[in-house]
Amino acid sequence: MESSNKEKFERDGFVIVDVLTPQEIDDFREVMDALISPKIQSADTEKRSSSFQHLGDEIKDFGKEARQYYFHLLTKPGTESIHHAFHHPVILKTVEELLGPNLIVNNASILAANEGTEYSLGWHRDIIQIPQNEIEDWLFSPERFHNSVQINLPLVDENSLWVVPGSHNRPNTPEEDEAFRGSKHYAPVGVEMPGGIPVPLKAGQAVLYNNNLIHRGFTEKMKIPRRTLHMGYHSANFPPTWHFYLLNGDLLTPQYLDTLSPTMRRMMEEYLECRRQYPDMSQTWKWSYNFPNELAV
């Protein structure tokens, strides 16, 4: 009997689903290429590891360097043409199956690079927001419900995501600690991780993964341009994690909200309401926040 998406997600920390039709793939490619002006090509071919992606790049700068770019959406005027990706019915149905109903979108981005780009990001869990001296092993346990999922949805075949299956629900092994070289945030670029495997995706397939999964971004010289939608969600039925705070709520002004579609505006208003309920990110990795009715271990 085949496992459900939820069973695969809970066991392995990730699941792959078919999302886009061939026509949707073509339509999204057209919209994305219109946004990022791919005709800009850099003469610079020096190999670079990723820049610090959480800061976000400016769309107007795409192609000026031979690297991968990371563009924030939903808070950027002029990107409205692609926002419908973030309420695609297959995406929302699958995330609801994994986390529960009343979804809040908390990350929406484009990952893009030109042909010939080499991309390498060190192995990590998505815990960069947590000071290293406050990262506790219980954060990576099956007893703690991780109310977050992130998604890569490529518009071309790709093999950029690598994962250590099952690592989301346990602390690092001694071998993994050795690979991290004393860091709890990022392993050095180029270090191999025991048990790491690639996650090949066809255009229109999405990989949904637990942020606590040990993973990296890596590809040798790209033979085709990378065009990937990246997104994150949590369920409003439970308190959010630190990933919820990736969107810059200060940019969601009344004037900007007026430019959005009715669906996207409602989703952003729900995000802002959640922000009012949970204003302090630093509480999200505390024991009392995650286990409010239990004494600390």
Protein backbone atom coordinates (compact mmCIF):
# COMPACT_ATOMS: atom_id res chain seq x y z
CA MET A 1 0.00 0.00 0.00
CA GLU A 2 1.47 3.33 -1.06
CA SER A 3 2.25 5.83 1.68
CA SER A 4 0.31 9.08 1.80
CA ASN A 5 2.00 12.44 1.27
CA LYS A 6 1.77 13.07 5.01
CA GLU A 7 3.35 9.72 5.87
CA LYS A 8 6.23 10.33 3.44
CA PHE A 9 6.69 13.86 4.74
CA GLU A 10 6.77 12.76 8.38
CA ARG A 11 9.13 9.86 7.64
CA ASP A 12 11.57 11.45 5.19
CA GLY A 13 11.10 15.17 5.83
CA PHE A 14 10.11 15.80 2.21
CA VAL A 15 7.61 14.75 -0.45
CA ILE A 16 7.39 15.30 -4.22
CA VAL A 17 4.07 16.06 -5.94
CA ASP A 18 3.00 16.92 -9.49
CA VAL A 19 1.60 20.46 -9.52
CA LEU A 20 1.65 22.27 -12.87
CA THR A 21 0.23 21.24 -16.23
CA PRO A 22 2.41 21.76 -19.34
CA GLN A 23 0.38 24.87 -20.19
CA GLU A 24 0.83 26.28 -16.67
CA ILE A 25 4.58 25.67 -16.89
CA ASP A 26 4.75 27.63 -20.16
CA ASP A 27 2.57 30.42 -18.75
CA PHE A 28 4.65 30.80 -15.59
CA ARG A 29 7.91 30.71 -17.59
CA GLU A 30 6.63 33.56 -19.74
CA VAL A 31 5.62 35.61 -16.72
CA MET A 32 8.87 34.96 -14.86
CA ASP A 33 11.09 35.79 -17.83
CA ALA A 34 9.16 39.03 -18.32
CA LEU A 35 9.94 39.93 -14.69
CA ILE A 36 13.65 39.16 -14.62
CA SER A 37 14.77 40.26 -18.12
CA PRO A 38 16.95 37.21 -18.88
CA LYS A 39 18.59 38.89 -21.88
CA ILE A 40 21.01 40.54 -19.44
CA GLN A 41 24.07 38.28 -19.49
CA SER A 42 27.23 38.66 -17.44
CA ALA A 43 30.67 38.36 -19.00
CA ASP A 44 31.83 37.30 -15.53
CA THR A 45 31.96 33.50 -15.27
CA GLU A 46 33.84 33.24 -11.97
CA LYS A 47 32.44 30.44 -9.82
CA ARG A 48 30.67 31.80 -6.73
CA SER A 49 28.94 30.23 -3.78
CA SER A 50 25.56 31.69 -2.92
CA SER A 51 25.23 35.15 -1.47
CA PHE A 52 23.31 35.45 1.81
CA GLN A 53 19.94 34.76 0.27
CA HIS A 54 17.66 35.87 3.08
CA LEU A 55 18.57 39.47 2.30
CA GLY A 56 17.03 39.16 -1.15
CA ASP A 57 18.26 40.54 -4.48
CA GLU A 58 16.84 43.27 -6.68
CA ILE A 59 15.15 42.04 -9.85
CA LYS A 60 16.80 44.78 -11.90
CA ASP A 61 20.21 43.26 -11.06
CA PHE A 62 19.49 39.81 -12.48
CA GLY A 63 22.28 38.50 -14.70
CA LYS A 64 24.92 41.06 -13.75
CA GLU A 65 26.91 38.36 -11.92
CA ALA A 66 27.38 34.67 -12.67
CA ARG A 67 25.47 33.38 -9.67
CA GLN A 68 22.04 32.36 -8.46
CA TYR A 69 19.62 35.16 -7.56
CA TYR A 70 16.96 35.15 -4.87
CA PHE A 71 14.07 37.59 -5.33
CA HIS A 72 11.48 38.27 -2.63
CA LEU A 73 7.89 38.53 -3.86
CA LEU A 74 4.59 39.64 -2.29
CA THR A 75 6.34 42.70 -0.84
CA LYS A 76 7.77 43.93 -4.15
CA PRO A 77 5.64 46.23 -6.33
CA GLY A 78 5.71 45.09 -9.93
CA THR A 79 5.72 41.35 -9.21
CA GLU A 80 1.94 40.95 -9.01
CA SER A 81 1.76 39.04 -12.30
CA ILE A 82 3.17 35.89 -10.70
CA HIS A 83 1.44 36.02 -7.30
CA HIS A 84 -1.24 33.51 -8.28
CA ALA A 85 1.42 30.79 -7.95
CA PHE A 86 1.15 31.18 -4.17
CA HIS A 87 -2.49 30.18 -4.04
CA HIS A 88 -2.29 27.39 -6.60
CA PRO A 89 -4.95 24.84 -5.55
CA VAL A 90 -2.63 21.80 -5.72
CA ILE A 91 -0.04 23.54 -3.55
CA LEU A 92 -2.60 24.62 -0.95
CA LYS A 93 -4.30 21.21 -0.88
CA THR A 94 -0.98 19.42 -0.34
CA VAL A 95 0.27 21.78 2.37
CA GLU A 96 -3.07 21.48 4.16
CA GLU A 97 -2.67 17.70 4.08
CA LEU A 98 0.74 18.06 5.75
CA LEU A 99 0.10 20.82 8.29
CA GLY A 100 -3.63 21.40 8.66
CA PRO A 101 -6.09 24.05 7.43
CA ASN A 102 -6.14 27.86 7.54
CA LEU A 103 -2.83 28.31 5.78
CA ILE A 104 -0.70 31.45 6.04
CA VAL A 105 1.84 32.12 3.30
CA ASN A 106 5.10 33.32 4.88
CA ASN A 107 7.65 33.13 2.08
CA ALA A 108 7.41 33.72 -1.64
CA SER A 109 10.45 34.03 -3.86
CA ILE A 110 12.06 33.34 -7.21
CA LEU A 111 15.30 31.36 -7.49
CA ALA A 112 16.88 32.14 -10.86
CA ALA A 113 20.22 31.72 -12.61
CA ASN A 114 21.46 31.83 -16.17
CA GLU A 115 22.85 28.90 -18.12
CA GLY A 116 26.47 28.19 -17.16
CA THR A 117 26.05 29.19 -13.52
CA GLU A 118 27.54 26.98 -10.82
CA TYR A 119 25.73 27.04 -7.48
CA SER A 120 26.84 25.83 -4.07
CA LEU A 121 25.37 26.50 -0.63
CA GLY A 122 26.65 24.73 2.48
CA TRP A 123 24.62 22.03 4.20
CA HIS A 124 22.29 23.49 6.83
CA ARG A 125 19.00 23.38 8.64
CA ASP A 126 16.88 26.53 8.32
CA ILE A 127 17.73 27.84 11.78
CA ILE A 128 19.88 30.83 10.84
CA GLN A 129 17.51 33.10 12.81
CA ILE A 130 18.30 31.26 16.07
CA PRO A 131 21.52 32.20 17.91
CA GLN A 132 23.78 29.16 17.94
CA ASN A 133 23.94 29.02 21.72
CA GLU A 134 20.12 28.77 21.84
CA ILE A 135 19.74 25.86 19.39
CA GLU A 136 18.58 22.87 21.43
CA ASP A 137 18.32 19.23 20.32
CA TRP A 138 14.61 19.05 21.23
CA LEU A 139 13.85 21.39 18.31
CA PHE A 140 14.57 18.39 16.05
CA SER A 141 12.38 15.76 17.65
CA PRO A 142 9.20 13.95 16.55
CA GLU A 143 7.47 15.22 19.70
CA ARG A 144 7.64 18.80 18.46
CA PHE A 145 5.25 19.71 15.65
CA HIS A 146 7.17 21.85 13.18
CA ASN A 147 4.46 24.16 11.87
CA SER A 148 6.17 25.08 8.62
CA VAL A 149 6.78 23.71 5.17
CA GLN A 150 8.82 25.17 2.35
CA ILE A 151 8.52 24.37 -1.32
CA ASN A 152 10.61 24.45 -4.48
CA LEU A 153 8.51 24.45 -7.67
CA PRO A 154 10.80 24.49 -10.72
CA LEU A 155 9.64 25.53 -14.19
CA VAL A 156 12.49 23.54 -15.79
CA ASP A 157 13.98 20.15 -14.89
CA GLU A 158 16.44 20.66 -12.05
CA ASN A 159 18.60 18.91 -9.49
CA SER A 160 19.62 21.71 -7.12
CA LEU A 161 18.19 20.49 -3.80
CA TRP A 162 20.08 17.86 -1.78
CA VAL A 163 18.74 16.42 1.49
CA VAL A 164 19.53 13.99 4.31
CA PRO A 165 16.26 12.02 4.53
CA GLY A 166 14.81 11.70 8.02
CA SER A 167 17.16 14.23 9.59
CA HIS A 168 14.32 16.66 10.44
CA ASN A 169 13.14 14.69 13.48
CA ARG A 170 16.47 14.07 15.23
CA PRO A 171 19.62 15.91 16.31
CA ASN A 172 22.81 15.65 14.29
CA THR A 173 24.70 12.38 14.35
CA PRO A 174 28.39 12.54 15.36
CA GLU A 175 29.31 12.23 11.68
CA GLU A 176 27.04 15.15 10.79
CA ASP A 177 28.50 17.24 13.61
CA GLU A 178 31.91 16.56 12.15
CA ALA A 179 30.74 17.72 8.72
CA PHE A 180 29.33 20.94 10.24
CA ARG A 181 32.80 21.66 11.69
CA GLY A 182 31.51 23.17 14.93
CA SER A 183 28.79 25.34 13.38
CA LYS A 184 25.09 24.89 14.08
CA HIS A 185 24.15 27.07 11.12
CA TYR A 186 26.11 26.13 7.98
CA ALA A 187 28.66 23.50 7.06
CA PRO A 188 31.53 24.88 4.96
CA VAL A 189 30.82 24.96 1.23
CA GLY A 190 32.16 21.83 -0.44
CA VAL A 191 31.94 19.58 2.62
CA GLU A 192 30.08 16.35 1.93
CA MET A 193 27.33 15.25 4.32
CA PRO A 194 26.86 11.57 5.25
CA GLY A 195 23.58 10.30 3.80
CA GLY A 196 23.04 13.33 1.56
CA ILE A 197 21.16 12.63 -1.68
CA PRO A 198 19.97 14.78 -4.62
CA VAL A 199 16.27 15.43 -5.20
CA PRO A 200 15.78 15.53 -8.98
CA LEU A 201 12.60 17.31 -10.10
CA LYS A 202 10.81 17.54 -13.41
CA ALA A 203 9.42 20.90 -14.51
CA GLY A 204 6.10 21.42 -12.72
CA GLN A 205 6.90 19.04 -9.86
CA ALA A 206 7.19 20.48 -6.36
CA VAL A 207 9.24 19.26 -3.44
CA LEU A 208 7.72 20.15 -0.07
CA TYR A 209 10.17 19.84 2.80
CA ASN A 210 10.48 20.38 6.52
CA ASN A 211 12.73 23.37 7.25
CA ASN A 212 14.55 21.34 9.92
CA LEU A 213 15.74 18.82 7.33
CA ILE A 214 19.50 18.94 6.72
CA HIS A 215 19.75 20.16 3.13
CA ARG A 216 21.81 22.23 0.72
CA GLY A 217 21.60 23.87 -2.68
CA PHE A 218 24.15 22.56 -5.15
CA THR A 219 24.49 22.15 -8.88
CA GLU A 220 27.42 21.90 -11.24
CA LYS A 221 27.41 24.19 -14.27
CA MET A 222 23.77 24.62 -15.27
CA LYS A 223 22.96 23.43 -18.77
CA ILE A 224 19.63 25.28 -18.76
CA PRO A 225 18.66 28.46 -16.86
CA ARG A 226 17.22 27.90 -13.40
CA ARG A 227 13.65 29.17 -12.97
CA THR A 228 12.15 28.09 -9.65
CA LEU A 229 9.33 29.38 -7.50
CA HIS A 230 10.03 29.08 -3.79
CA MET A 231 7.36 29.42 -1.11
CA GLY A 232 6.60 28.73 2.54
CA TYR A 233 3.45 28.24 4.64
CA HIS A 234 2.24 27.45 8.13
CA SER A 235 -1.16 26.62 9.58
CA ALA A 236 -2.91 29.34 11.57
CA ASN A 237 -4.30 26.57 13.78
CA PHE A 238 -0.93 26.45 15.54
CA PRO A 239 1.66 29.04 16.62
CA PRO A 240 4.12 29.84 13.82
CA THR A 241 7.83 29.07 13.75
CA TRP A 242 10.71 31.49 13.16
CA HIS A 243 10.23 30.99 9.39
CA PHE A 244 7.03 33.01 9.58
CA TYR A 245 9.02 36.23 9.95
CA LEU A 246 10.77 36.09 6.55
CA LEU A 247 8.28 38.44 4.93
CA ASN A 248 8.86 42.12 5.70
CA GLY A 249 5.47 43.11 7.09
CA ASP A 250 6.43 46.79 7.11
CA LEU A 251 6.28 46.74 3.29
CA LEU A 252 2.67 45.55 3.32
CA THR A 253 1.29 49.08 3.49
CA PRO A 254 -2.39 49.90 2.81
CA GLN A 255 -1.30 51.50 -0.45
CA TYR A 256 0.54 48.35 -1.54
CA LEU A 257 -2.29 46.04 -0.46
CA ASP A 258 -4.60 48.03 -2.75
CA THR A 259 -2.55 46.85 -5.75
CA LEU A 260 -3.05 43.13 -5.01
CA SER A 261 -5.69 40.77 -6.29
CA PRO A 262 -8.56 40.12 -3.85
CA THR A 263 -7.19 36.63 -3.04
CA MET A 264 -3.64 37.83 -2.49
CA ARG A 265 -4.80 40.81 -0.45
CA ARG A 266 -6.79 38.51 1.84
CA MET A 267 -3.74 36.26 2.27
CA MET A 268 -1.53 39.22 3.16
CA GLU A 269 -4.11 40.57 5.62
CA GLU A 270 -4.17 37.14 7.27
CA TYR A 271 -0.38 37.26 7.44
CA LEU A 272 -0.47 40.68 9.12
CA GLU A 273 -3.09 39.51 11.62
CA CYS A 274 -0.85 36.57 12.54
CA ARG A 275 2.03 39.01 12.91
CA ARG A 276 -0.03 41.01 15.41
CA GLN A 277 -0.80 37.84 17.38
CA TYR A 278 2.85 36.71 17.42
CA PRO A 279 5.04 39.81 17.31
CA ASP A 280 8.18 38.33 18.89
CA MET A 281 10.17 35.88 16.75
CA SER A 282 12.61 35.20 19.61
CA GLN A 283 9.89 33.30 21.50
CA THR A 284 9.40 30.73 18.75
CA TRP A 285 12.37 28.54 19.71
CA LYS A 286 11.60 28.60 23.45
CA TRP A 287 10.41 25.44 25.20
CA SER A 288 7.37 27.16 26.78
CA TYR A 289 6.21 28.39 23.35
CA ASN A 290 6.42 24.92 21.78
CA PHE A 291 5.27 22.91 24.83
CA PRO A 292 3.07 25.35 26.80
CA ASN A 293 1.68 22.68 29.13
CA GLU A 294 4.91 20.80 29.87
CA LEU A 295 7.81 21.44 32.20
CA ALA A 296 11.15 22.08 30.52
CA VAL A 297 13.43 19.06 30.13
